[in-house]
Amino acid sequence: MLPITGYADRYSVAPGQSIAFKVSSTAPEDYEARLVRVVCGDPNPAGPGIREHPVEAAFAGRYPSRVQPIHNGSWARVAAAAPLDALESFTVTATIWPTLPGLSRRQGLVSRVDDATGAGFALEIGETGSLAATLSDGTGTVVLDTGKALRARAWYRVFLAFDAGAGEVRVGQLAMAPAMTVDDSGSATAAATFEGGCAGSGDLVFAARAGSPPGDHYNGKLEAPRIVAAALDPDAAFRVAGEEPGAGSVADLLAAWDFSREMSSARILDTGPHAMHGETVNLPARAMKGSGWTGEEMCWRHAPDQYAAIHFHDDDLYDCLWETDFSFEVPEDFRSGVYAVRLRSGDDEDMIPFFVRAAPGRAQSSACVLIPAFTYTVYANFARGNVDDAYRGQVARWGARPWTPDEHPEYGISTYNRHSDGSGVAYSSRLRPILNQRSGYCAYADPLGGSCLRHFPADTHLLAWLDALGHEFDVITDEDLEADGVGAIARYKVVMTGSHPEYHTPGSLDALAGYTERGGRLMYLGGNGFYWRVAVNAALPGAVEIRRGETGIRAWAAEPGEYYNAFDGGYGGLWRNSGRAPQRLAGVGFIAQGDFHGTAYPRLPPPPRPCPAPASRRPPPPRAPRAAWIFEGIDDDEPLGDFGLSGGGAAGFELDWLDPSLGSPPHALVLARSQQQDDTFMLVPEEMLNHYVNRPGLPTRDLIRSEIVFFETPNGGAVFSVGSITFCGSLPHNGFDNNISRMLDNVLRRFRSD
């Protein structure tokens, strides 16, 4: 674990509200906590450097160090499960789809064990990958397995049956789609004579082995676990495992969990007579195809019985559940902005960023910066696999943040990674330390000396520019837009994005669209924005769900039939596939991606004047170009942004362009267009219908460009978009005195004016 780290219970907080901080420190001495306002988070010595302003706070001081544990792995529990206490003979059945059966360790499927005595049972996958069972009365233990290795990603009906009268235990597995030449079905029997009961006590646990905390987590799908108060023979047990939920054909049925119910929540429902409902832990994937999926229906809402499986993983993590060390009640007169709690113990230091918005209805400024909280969460703890000598050397030279998610996977992984079983990560949460959301964190090493920042530290280039030029501003997160709608930003004349507002919910996108339609002015200062649709759920605060379906630049692809979000039932994937391409909001949308390189934007000539009027009519009066004011103080032939801390230029890495076919307004003006990018840049997959389009020399290569666009919206609103992730990295150049800075200053001053 890191020597010191922590997280907060929320991202966004308003004056009068409280935010709680949870810290883990391995130091023997106390640690120090203090409050700072974040100005710049770039450690590059060629730029402004890391800049923070100390702020007085009542919580500032020293606190005792303690290590707070992390328990990775998803599972489900039925608390207490008292109706099982009196069981003597019983049968446990389930349907499973294991993904890592040969893991060389046990993986619990269904278990209940007394913590004090060890009495109880566990239906599990054994160390050799075959179905196994363990029974104990606290004095004696029986372990047996089928001896037949389970296949990965194949469906099986499984059971454990204990006959107390006969003193016998059976375990069995039945392949639902047998494979040629593979012997993977069968059962095993062993003598099991106990003086006491072996039904266990306490919680009933699914997808892990019961304990404090549960361990031996299962990787794979689990469907329809059932418990019968009788010892069934294999045929009867396999039949029960395959019955429809609530069939009620077994007289001794004690419990039958149906995971197709309330699958947008963390609840699991028991359709049996005792209603032993439970809950999932650490966000396993729901709305997943079950053993009965036919391929005829792709939306789980239309055929929930075909999506009755939950996919568990041993590296899932939702909430670390750490105890609170201290809280901060934000004063009523506190300034909106980006803040962080700085933690220090000896030579070790960390920070916990958070965002103070203005109190509802009491904007402190006419301008607001929109913090992409959903994007930060989706990318949280992205292990890029690039921590090599070059990376470590740059970190050491700059005094940058030394800790990376590659070296510390214990804090949970990103949706840009894969689970240990190879499946895509569909959920992420901010209720854990996020190593890459820190000032000083470098995403890459740049041999040319560039910053190569992403997300939070990259967005501080904009904060530093606003501070340097004396622009007052508030901040708000897209979590606030989701919660409060357009009212959260209605009082602002201008809303600015950061470098990469990629992920949005229906609510946050609706709020931005409503804002521009009502006369708000939007400054989209990044690239590849408003691209992926994500889902949130009020019952699971801090979590975000992403289904990467069918197209787009993807770290992984969702399985066919699993494109619909569990949280809200919406069709996952690109907003473009739901008829809401980024061009409809921002005028530009994602067109190409390459290495972290940037170039300049040459200005385009103004649009042609109208044709001369006939001699019989008076010619119309001359009109100034609609957007000439954007370039005041900049020479016509001056390339825009042929410099920058990010990639060496303002137009780079991920690029957007205007496309009327996807919703760019017909009156939108293209003011500048980037120069030809290098050969690492390719069109995005959704633009490619065949393999020819990316070949060098073809006309389609001309589509690879970034465009600066301006257009008016109803009621006096307007949109200014730059279409590049590296744009804000050019703002600090030459002490913020450059043409990118001047252009942005012109736009912001005009946008926030009456």
Foldseek 3Di string as FASTA:
>chain_A
DAQKFWAKPDFEDAAQDKIFIFMAHPDQAWKWKFKWFWQFQFLQPQFPHTDIHGDDFPVTDTFGHHGQDFQFWKKKKQWFPVVLPPFAWKKKKWKWAALCLQPQAKKFAKWAAAQPQRFAKTFIRHSRQFTKMWGDQSPDIDIDTFPFHDDHRFMKMKMWTAAQVQQKIKIWIDTPDDDPPGDHGDMDMDGHHDPGGRHHTTMIMGQFYVYVHTHNGTFTKIFWMWMFRHGDDPVVSSVNNPDQAPPCPHVRTAWIWFQLPLLLFQKIFTPGPVGSIIGMAQDFAFQAADPPDDLPDLFCVVPSSRGRMTGIARGRHAASPGDTRDMGNRHLPDAWHKMWMWMDDPPDIFIYIHTYFYDQPDHPAQEEEEALLVVCQQQFQEDPVAPDPLNQVVCVVSVADDDGSVVPCSQGYHQLDATPSRHGDFKGFSNTGRRLQGRRHAPHRDPVSFRNHDHNSQQSLVSNLCVLVVNGYHYDYLVCQQVPNLSSNQSHLEYEYGAESAEHEPRSVRNLQVNQQQAHAYEYQYANHQWWYWDDAPNRPRMIGAAADDFWDGSDHHDRSRQAHSNPSHGTHTVLVVLCAVCQRFQKHWWKFFPFAAAWWQWDDADDDDDFDPPVDDGDDDDDGPCPLLQPPHDNGDTHFCAFSTRGGQAHGIFIDGDVVSHRDPPKDFTTKTDQDDLRMDTGGVVDPDDPLSDPPDPSSVVPIHTWIKDHHPPNYIHTYGGHSRNSRSCRPPNSPGSSSSSVVSVVVVSSDD
